[in-house]
Amino acid sequence: MNRSTVASIVLGLSMVVTSAVTQALKPTHKMADQKGRFDLETMIPLRFGDWTEDNSIVPLKVDPSTQARLNMIYNQTLSRTYIDSKGERIMLSIAYGGDQSDNMAVHRPELCYVAQGFNVTSNNVGALPTAFGTLPVRRLVAVQGARNEPITYWITVGDRAINPGMSQRLQQLRYGFTGNVPDGMLVRVSSIDNEAAGAYQLQQHFIADMLAGVSKDGRARLIGSMPL
């Protein structure tokens, strides 16, 4: 047997082994199936704390082509506006996807807003303390004409709230090595305000009231059972 034949056999065997290992490591168990079904519309109350639903303002809507892509990613979405007794308004958008593998990753607001013609003038990582743990959040400011929209959002992958980007990818890999396909949720709160610092304080207050107003299981869905 000549050298080239041996090399071909070795290469062929390597490809077979690599394919078998890749298939063996491919996640097959969806965490969404293990957690059971839920409904965002009923999970998030229409009234909590000093907040009640306000139908006069609708959170940012995306164009039809973007919406079609989002429909492929998410199983459920929720968009509402809330108002308190002082007339302050907060827009809430939540999106849940049962499959957060590589081609089904959550759609980040900084990309979504830019796709809608906004200019994202600020984009910072932050930590939001709550009564149930500290949430790793990202804070943005999206501007379009006279509309100035400070935004706070976070992402959960599986059982943890994480910062988008590398932490998100590492979390997906962690589950992949255990054979699990993680689910994921994106929670976004925003308000129309020219003063970002005050808007973020109001959003933090809203988030605290929302987390206190949902059930224990709903809270685990929103922030993960083990927020960082």
C-alpha atoms as a PDB file:
ATOM      1  CA  MET A   1       0.000   0.000   0.000  1.00  0.00           C
ATOM      2  CA  ASN A   2       1.609   3.277  -1.080  1.00  0.00           C
ATOM      3  CA  ARG A   3       1.881   6.429   0.978  1.00  0.00           C
ATOM      4  CA  SER A   4      -0.881   8.338  -0.838  1.00  0.00           C
ATOM      5  CA  THR A   5      -3.338   5.478  -0.288  1.00  0.00           C
ATOM      6  CA  VAL A   6      -2.538   5.373   3.434  1.00  0.00           C
ATOM      7  CA  ALA A   7      -2.969   9.142   3.645  1.00  0.00           C
ATOM      8  CA  SER A   8      -6.344   8.913   1.921  1.00  0.00           C
ATOM      9  CA  ILE A   9      -7.509   6.197   4.321  1.00  0.00           C
ATOM     10  CA  VAL A  10      -6.367   8.185   7.363  1.00  0.00           C
ATOM     11  CA  LEU A  11      -8.090  11.322   6.052  1.00  0.00           C
ATOM     12  CA  GLY A  12     -11.277   9.382   5.397  1.00  0.00           C
ATOM     13  CA  LEU A  13     -11.272   7.861   8.872  1.00  0.00           C
ATOM     14  CA  SER A  14     -10.621  11.286  10.414  1.00  0.00           C
ATOM     15  CA  MET A  15     -13.611  12.740   8.601  1.00  0.00           C
ATOM     16  CA  VAL A  16     -15.831   9.885   9.764  1.00  0.00           C
ATOM     17  CA  VAL A  17     -14.673  10.251  13.382  1.00  0.00           C
ATOM     18  CA  THR A  18     -15.117  14.041  13.272  1.00  0.00           C
ATOM     19  CA  SER A  19     -18.615  13.662  11.882  1.00  0.00           C
ATOM     20  CA  ALA A  20     -19.531  11.113  14.534  1.00  0.00           C
ATOM     21  CA  VAL A  21     -18.157  13.263  17.365  1.00  0.00           C
ATOM     22  CA  THR A  22     -19.949  16.359  16.025  1.00  0.00           C
ATOM     23  CA  GLN A  23     -23.230  14.457  15.846  1.00  0.00           C
ATOM     24  CA  ALA A  24     -22.737  13.050  19.326  1.00  0.00           C
ATOM     25  CA  LEU A  25     -22.100  16.521  20.762  1.00  0.00           C
ATOM     26  CA  LYS A  26     -25.019  18.135  18.950  1.00  0.00           C
ATOM     27  CA  PRO A  27     -27.565  19.333  21.515  1.00  0.00           C
ATOM     28  CA  THR A  28     -30.836  17.456  21.250  1.00  0.00           C
ATOM     29  CA  HIS A  29     -32.824  18.190  24.435  1.00  0.00           C
ATOM     30  CA  LYS A  30     -34.768  21.453  24.399  1.00  0.00           C
ATOM     31  CA  MET A  31     -35.002  23.188  27.765  1.00  0.00           C
ATOM     32  CA  ALA A  32     -38.285  24.726  26.613  1.00  0.00           C
ATOM     33  CA  ASP A  33     -39.873  21.275  26.635  1.00  0.00           C
ATOM     34  CA  GLN A  34     -38.597  20.613  30.162  1.00  0.00           C
ATOM     35  CA  LYS A  35     -39.914  23.906  31.551  1.00  0.00           C
ATOM     36  CA  GLY A  36     -43.434  23.504  30.258  1.00  0.00           C
ATOM     37  CA  ARG A  37     -45.724  25.929  28.493  1.00  0.00           C
ATOM     38  CA  PHE A  38     -46.556  29.471  29.529  1.00  0.00           C
ATOM     39  CA  ASP A  39     -48.232  32.534  28.069  1.00  0.00           C
ATOM     40  CA  LEU A  40     -46.609  35.965  28.161  1.00  0.00           C
ATOM     41  CA  GLU A  41     -49.974  37.729  27.933  1.00  0.00           C
ATOM     42  CA  THR A  42     -51.137  36.211  31.214  1.00  0.00           C
ATOM     43  CA  MET A  43     -47.723  35.963  32.874  1.00  0.00           C
ATOM     44  CA  ILE A  44     -47.246  39.749  32.874  1.00  0.00           C
ATOM     45  CA  PRO A  45     -50.104  41.457  34.768  1.00  0.00           C
ATOM     46  CA  LEU A  46     -51.935  44.395  33.225  1.00  0.00           C
ATOM     47  CA  ARG A  47     -51.572  46.138  36.584  1.00  0.00           C
ATOM     48  CA  PHE A  48     -48.797  45.953  39.180  1.00  0.00           C
ATOM     49  CA  GLY A  49     -47.447  48.391  41.737  1.00  0.00           C
ATOM     50  CA  ASP A  50     -48.445  51.896  40.603  1.00  0.00           C
ATOM     51  CA  TRP A  51     -48.519  50.830  36.951  1.00  0.00           C
ATOM     52  CA  THR A  52     -51.422  50.014  34.679  1.00  0.00           C
ATOM     53  CA  GLU A  53     -51.636  49.299  30.950  1.00  0.00           C
ATOM     54  CA  ASP A  54     -51.957  52.348  28.683  1.00  0.00           C
ATOM     55  CA  ASN A  55     -53.117  51.788  25.106  1.00  0.00           C
ATOM     56  CA  SER A  56     -52.326  55.305  23.885  1.00  0.00           C
ATOM     57  CA  ILE A  57     -48.691  54.566  23.005  1.00  0.00           C
ATOM     58  CA  VAL A  58     -47.470  51.411  21.285  1.00  0.00           C
ATOM     59  CA  PRO A  59     -43.812  50.295  21.622  1.00  0.00           C
ATOM     60  CA  LEU A  60     -41.613  50.352  18.533  1.00  0.00           C
ATOM     61  CA  LYS A  61     -43.009  48.283  15.676  1.00  0.00           C
ATOM     62  CA  VAL A  62     -40.687  46.766  13.100  1.00  0.00           C
ATOM     63  CA  ASP A  63     -41.062  46.657   9.340  1.00  0.00           C
ATOM     64  CA  PRO A  64     -42.678  43.562   7.754  1.00  0.00           C
ATOM     65  CA  SER A  65     -39.400  41.992   6.579  1.00  0.00           C
ATOM     66  CA  THR A  66     -37.820  42.308  10.032  1.00  0.00           C
ATOM     67  CA  GLN A  67     -41.005  41.006  11.633  1.00  0.00           C
ATOM     68  CA  ALA A  68     -40.886  37.946   9.389  1.00  0.00           C
ATOM     69  CA  ARG A  69     -37.361  37.173  10.624  1.00  0.00           C
ATOM     70  CA  LEU A  70     -38.389  37.717  14.232  1.00  0.00           C
ATOM     71  CA  ASN A  71     -41.305  35.321  13.782  1.00  0.00           C
ATOM     72  CA  MET A  72     -38.753  32.642  12.871  1.00  0.00           C
ATOM     73  CA  ILE A  73     -36.764  33.346  16.047  1.00  0.00           C
ATOM     74  CA  TYR A  74     -39.435  33.848  18.667  1.00  0.00           C
ATOM     75  CA  ASN A  75     -42.333  31.711  19.816  1.00  0.00           C
ATOM     76  CA  GLN A  76     -43.990  34.514  21.780  1.00  0.00           C
ATOM     77  CA  THR A  77     -43.786  38.303  21.910  1.00  0.00           C
ATOM     78  CA  LEU A  78     -45.446  40.907  24.096  1.00  0.00           C
ATOM     79  CA  SER A  79     -45.589  44.700  23.619  1.00  0.00           C
ATOM     80  CA  ARG A  80     -47.324  47.000  26.090  1.00  0.00           C
ATOM     81  CA  THR A  81     -47.143  50.518  27.460  1.00  0.00           C
ATOM     82  CA  TYR A  82     -47.707  51.194  31.162  1.00  0.00           C
ATOM     83  CA  ILE A  83     -48.519  54.454  32.951  1.00  0.00           C
ATOM     84  CA  ASP A  84     -48.260  55.373  36.632  1.00  0.00           C
ATOM     85  CA  SER A  85     -50.259  57.802  38.746  1.00  0.00           C
ATOM     86  CA  LYS A  86     -47.846  60.631  37.876  1.00  0.00           C
ATOM     87  CA  GLY A  87     -48.409  60.170  34.151  1.00  0.00           C
ATOM     88  CA  GLU A  88     -44.984  58.579  33.542  1.00  0.00           C
ATOM     89  CA  ARG A  89     -44.990  56.002  30.757  1.00  0.00           C
ATOM     90  CA  ILE A  90     -42.833  52.956  30.197  1.00  0.00           C
ATOM     91  CA  MET A  91     -42.872  50.788  27.084  1.00  0.00           C
ATOM     92  CA  LEU A  92     -42.312  47.072  27.656  1.00  0.00           C
ATOM     93  CA  SER A  93     -41.375  44.533  24.996  1.00  0.00           C
ATOM     94  CA  ILE A  94     -40.648  40.870  25.717  1.00  0.00           C
ATOM     95  CA  ALA A  95     -39.684  38.177  23.223  1.00  0.00           C
ATOM     96  CA  TYR A  96     -39.289  34.472  24.017  1.00  0.00           C
ATOM     97  CA  GLY A  97     -37.632  31.842  21.845  1.00  0.00           C
ATOM     98  CA  GLY A  98     -37.543  28.146  22.629  1.00  0.00           C
ATOM     99  CA  ASP A  99     -34.376  27.508  20.603  1.00  0.00           C
ATOM    100  CA  GLN A 100     -31.331  29.675  21.243  1.00  0.00           C
ATOM    101  CA  SER A 101     -28.873  27.676  19.137  1.00  0.00           C
ATOM    102  CA  ASP A 102     -26.561  29.455  16.689  1.00  0.00           C
ATOM    103  CA  ASN A 103     -29.137  30.246  14.027  1.00  0.00           C
ATOM    104  CA  MET A 104     -31.916  31.178  16.446  1.00  0.00           C
ATOM    105  CA  ALA A 105     -30.188  33.726  18.688  1.00  0.00           C
ATOM    106  CA  VAL A 106     -32.141  36.580  20.245  1.00  0.00           C
ATOM    107  CA  HIS A 107     -32.404  39.778  18.221  1.00  0.00           C
ATOM    108  CA  ARG A 108     -30.576  42.594  20.018  1.00  0.00           C
ATOM    109  CA  PRO A 109     -32.346  45.986  20.301  1.00  0.00           C
ATOM    110  CA  GLU A 110     -29.304  47.976  19.137  1.00  0.00           C
ATOM    111  CA  LEU A 111     -29.596  46.153  15.808  1.00  0.00           C
ATOM    112  CA  CYS A 112     -33.381  46.337  15.664  1.00  0.00           C
ATOM    113  CA  TYR A 113     -33.506  50.084  16.299  1.00  0.00           C
ATOM    114  CA  VAL A 114     -30.832  50.842  13.712  1.00  0.00           C
ATOM    115  CA  ALA A 115     -32.764  48.746  11.187  1.00  0.00           C
ATOM    116  CA  GLN A 116     -35.757  51.019  11.862  1.00  0.00           C
ATOM    117  CA  GLY A 117     -33.785  54.172  11.080  1.00  0.00           C
ATOM    118  CA  PHE A 118     -32.735  55.127  14.611  1.00  0.00           C
ATOM    119  CA  ASN A 119     -29.276  56.328  15.558  1.00  0.00           C
ATOM    120  CA  VAL A 120     -27.980  54.580  18.698  1.00  0.00           C
ATOM    121  CA  THR A 121     -25.983  57.327  20.405  1.00  0.00           C
ATOM    122  CA  SER A 122     -25.157  55.462  23.615  1.00  0.00           C
ATOM    123  CA  ASN A 123     -24.563  51.766  24.288  1.00  0.00           C
ATOM    124  CA  ASN A 124     -23.266  50.713  27.701  1.00  0.00           C
ATOM    125  CA  VAL A 125     -23.189  47.612  29.886  1.00  0.00           C
ATOM    126  CA  GLY A 126     -24.609  48.032  33.369  1.00  0.00           C
ATOM    127  CA  ALA A 127     -25.715  46.201  36.498  1.00  0.00           C
ATOM    128  CA  LEU A 128     -29.277  46.653  37.746  1.00  0.00           C
ATOM    129  CA  PRO A 129     -29.845  45.696  41.405  1.00  0.00           C
ATOM    130  CA  THR A 130     -33.194  44.098  42.242  1.00  0.00           C
ATOM    131  CA  ALA A 131     -34.663  42.396  45.268  1.00  0.00           C
ATOM    132  CA  PHE A 132     -34.052  39.077  43.495  1.00  0.00           C
ATOM    133  CA  GLY A 133     -30.451  39.528  42.344  1.00  0.00           C
ATOM    134  CA  THR A 134     -28.377  41.858  40.211  1.00  0.00           C
ATOM    135  CA  LEU A 135     -29.277  41.867  36.536  1.00  0.00           C
ATOM    136  CA  PRO A 136     -26.598  42.377  33.880  1.00  0.00           C
ATOM    137  CA  VAL A 137     -28.226  44.885  31.548  1.00  0.00           C
ATOM    138  CA  ARG A 138     -27.393  46.960  28.534  1.00  0.00           C
ATOM    139  CA  ARG A 139     -28.494  50.589  28.347  1.00  0.00           C
ATOM    140  CA  LEU A 140     -28.971  52.353  25.040  1.00  0.00           C
ATOM    141  CA  VAL A 141     -30.173  55.698  23.781  1.00  0.00           C
ATOM    142  CA  ALA A 142     -31.908  55.533  20.383  1.00  0.00           C
ATOM    143  CA  VAL A 143     -32.637  58.771  18.550  1.00  0.00           C
ATOM    144  CA  GLN A 144     -34.832  59.424  15.542  1.00  0.00           C
ATOM    145  CA  GLY A 145     -35.646  63.050  14.824  1.00  0.00           C
ATOM    146  CA  ALA A 146     -37.177  64.580  17.964  1.00  0.00           C
ATOM    147  CA  ARG A 147     -37.707  61.149  19.550  1.00  0.00           C
ATOM    148  CA  ASN A 148     -35.117  60.364  22.234  1.00  0.00           C
ATOM    149  CA  GLU A 149     -35.614  56.870  23.678  1.00  0.00           C
ATOM    150  CA  PRO A 150     -33.433  55.595  26.546  1.00  0.00           C
ATOM    151  CA  ILE A 151     -33.595  51.786  26.704  1.00  0.00           C
ATOM    152  CA  THR A 152     -32.738  49.163  29.302  1.00  0.00           C
ATOM    153  CA  TYR A 153     -32.702  45.523  28.276  1.00  0.00           C
ATOM    154  CA  TRP A 154     -31.404  42.147  29.294  1.00  0.00           C
ATOM    155  CA  ILE A 155     -31.257  38.636  27.873  1.00  0.00           C
ATOM    156  CA  THR A 156     -31.741  35.273  29.517  1.00  0.00           C
ATOM    157  CA  VAL A 157     -30.260  32.129  28.006  1.00  0.00           C
ATOM    158  CA  GLY A 158     -31.434  28.981  29.738  1.00  0.00           C
ATOM    159  CA  ASP A 159     -31.409  29.629  33.476  1.00  0.00           C
ATOM    160  CA  ARG A 160     -29.220  32.745  33.546  1.00  0.00           C
ATOM    161  CA  ALA A 161     -29.478  36.417  32.740  1.00  0.00           C
ATOM    162  CA  ILE A 162     -26.382  37.360  30.751  1.00  0.00           C
ATOM    163  CA  ASN A 163     -24.847  40.232  28.849  1.00  0.00           C
ATOM    164  CA  PRO A 164     -25.234  39.884  25.074  1.00  0.00           C
ATOM    165  CA  GLY A 165     -22.164  39.088  23.038  1.00  0.00           C
ATOM    166  CA  MET A 166     -19.410  36.801  24.313  1.00  0.00           C
ATOM    167  CA  SER A 167     -21.241  35.877  27.544  1.00  0.00           C
ATOM    168  CA  GLN A 168     -24.264  34.917  25.473  1.00  0.00           C
ATOM    169  CA  ARG A 169     -22.158  32.728  23.209  1.00  0.00           C
ATOM    170  CA  LEU A 170     -20.386  31.048  26.133  1.00  0.00           C
ATOM    171  CA  GLN A 171     -23.721  30.304  27.768  1.00  0.00           C
ATOM    172  CA  GLN A 172     -24.977  28.670  24.564  1.00  0.00           C
ATOM    173  CA  LEU A 173     -21.805  26.547  24.377  1.00  0.00           C
ATOM    174  CA  ARG A 174     -22.115  25.554  28.031  1.00  0.00           C
ATOM    175  CA  TYR A 175     -25.555  24.121  27.392  1.00  0.00           C
ATOM    176  CA  GLY A 176     -24.447  22.575  24.123  1.00  0.00           C
ATOM    177  CA  PHE A 177     -21.806  20.488  25.879  1.00  0.00           C
ATOM    178  CA  THR A 178     -24.495  19.083  28.161  1.00  0.00           C
ATOM    179  CA  GLY A 179     -26.688  18.123  25.219  1.00  0.00           C
ATOM    180  CA  ASN A 180     -29.271  20.820  25.935  1.00  0.00           C
ATOM    181  CA  VAL A 181     -30.691  23.459  23.599  1.00  0.00           C
ATOM    182  CA  PRO A 182     -31.364  26.526  25.774  1.00  0.00           C
ATOM    183  CA  ASP A 183     -34.387  28.733  25.455  1.00  0.00           C
ATOM    184  CA  GLY A 184     -34.039  32.487  25.718  1.00  0.00           C
ATOM    185  CA  MET A 185     -35.869  35.679  26.518  1.00  0.00           C
ATOM    186  CA  LEU A 186     -35.228  39.318  25.745  1.00  0.00           C
ATOM    187  CA  VAL A 187     -36.828  41.913  28.020  1.00  0.00           C
ATOM    188  CA  ARG A 188     -36.734  45.561  26.917  1.00  0.00           C
ATOM    189  CA  VAL A 189     -38.077  48.602  28.733  1.00  0.00           C
ATOM    190  CA  SER A 190     -37.859  52.108  27.321  1.00  0.00           C
ATOM    191  CA  SER A 191     -39.332  55.588  27.616  1.00  0.00           C
ATOM    192  CA  ILE A 192     -39.425  58.808  25.653  1.00  0.00           C
ATOM    193  CA  ASP A 193     -37.198  61.183  27.597  1.00  0.00           C
ATOM    194  CA  ASN A 194     -34.484  63.698  26.702  1.00  0.00           C
ATOM    195  CA  GLU A 195     -32.732  63.051  30.014  1.00  0.00           C
ATOM    196  CA  ALA A 196     -31.307  59.535  30.026  1.00  0.00           C
ATOM    197  CA  ALA A 197     -30.216  59.332  33.680  1.00  0.00           C
ATOM    198  CA  GLY A 198     -33.706  60.099  34.971  1.00  0.00           C
ATOM    199  CA  ALA A 199     -35.227  57.700  32.433  1.00  0.00           C
ATOM    200  CA  TYR A 200     -33.003  54.856  33.624  1.00  0.00           C
ATOM    201  CA  GLN A 201     -34.034  55.487  37.245  1.00  0.00           C
ATOM    202  CA  LEU A 202     -37.701  55.339  36.268  1.00  0.00           C
ATOM    203  CA  GLN A 203     -37.082  52.156  34.292  1.00  0.00           C
ATOM    204  CA  GLN A 204     -35.332  50.573  37.272  1.00  0.00           C
ATOM    205  CA  HIS A 205     -38.357  51.404  39.436  1.00  0.00           C
ATOM    206  CA  PHE A 206     -40.683  49.899  36.817  1.00  0.00           C
ATOM    207  CA  ILE A 207     -38.617  46.716  36.571  1.00  0.00           C
ATOM    208  CA  ALA A 208     -38.631  46.324  40.360  1.00  0.00           C
ATOM    209  CA  ASP A 209     -42.422  46.644  40.426  1.00  0.00           C
ATOM    210  CA  MET A 210     -42.834  44.222  37.534  1.00  0.00           C
ATOM    211  CA  LEU A 211     -40.625  41.557  39.114  1.00  0.00           C
ATOM    212  CA  ALA A 212     -42.520  41.897  42.387  1.00  0.00           C
ATOM    213  CA  GLY A 213     -45.848  41.686  40.556  1.00  0.00           C
ATOM    214  CA  VAL A 214     -45.304  38.450  38.659  1.00  0.00           C
ATOM    215  CA  SER A 215     -45.409  34.934  40.058  1.00  0.00           C
ATOM    216  CA  LYS A 216     -42.267  33.127  41.210  1.00  0.00           C
ATOM    217  CA  ASP A 217     -42.290  31.003  38.051  1.00  0.00           C
ATOM    218  CA  GLY A 218     -42.849  34.074  35.897  1.00  0.00           C
ATOM    219  CA  ARG A 219     -39.962  35.839  37.587  1.00  0.00           C
ATOM    220  CA  ALA A 220     -37.680  32.891  36.890  1.00  0.00           C
ATOM    221  CA  ARG A 221     -38.686  33.162  33.227  1.00  0.00           C
ATOM    222  CA  LEU A 222     -37.871  36.864  33.155  1.00  0.00           C
ATOM    223  CA  ILE A 223     -34.523  36.943  34.964  1.00  0.00           C
ATOM    224  CA  GLY A 224     -33.456  33.313  35.146  1.00  0.00           C
ATOM    225  CA  SER A 225     -33.363  31.262  38.305  1.00  0.00           C
ATOM    226  CA  MET A 226     -29.748  32.283  38.903  1.00  0.00           C
ATOM    227  CA  PRO A 227     -29.135  35.892  37.824  1.00  0.00           C
ATOM    228  CA  LEU A 228     -25.501  36.936  37.997  1.00  0.00           C
END
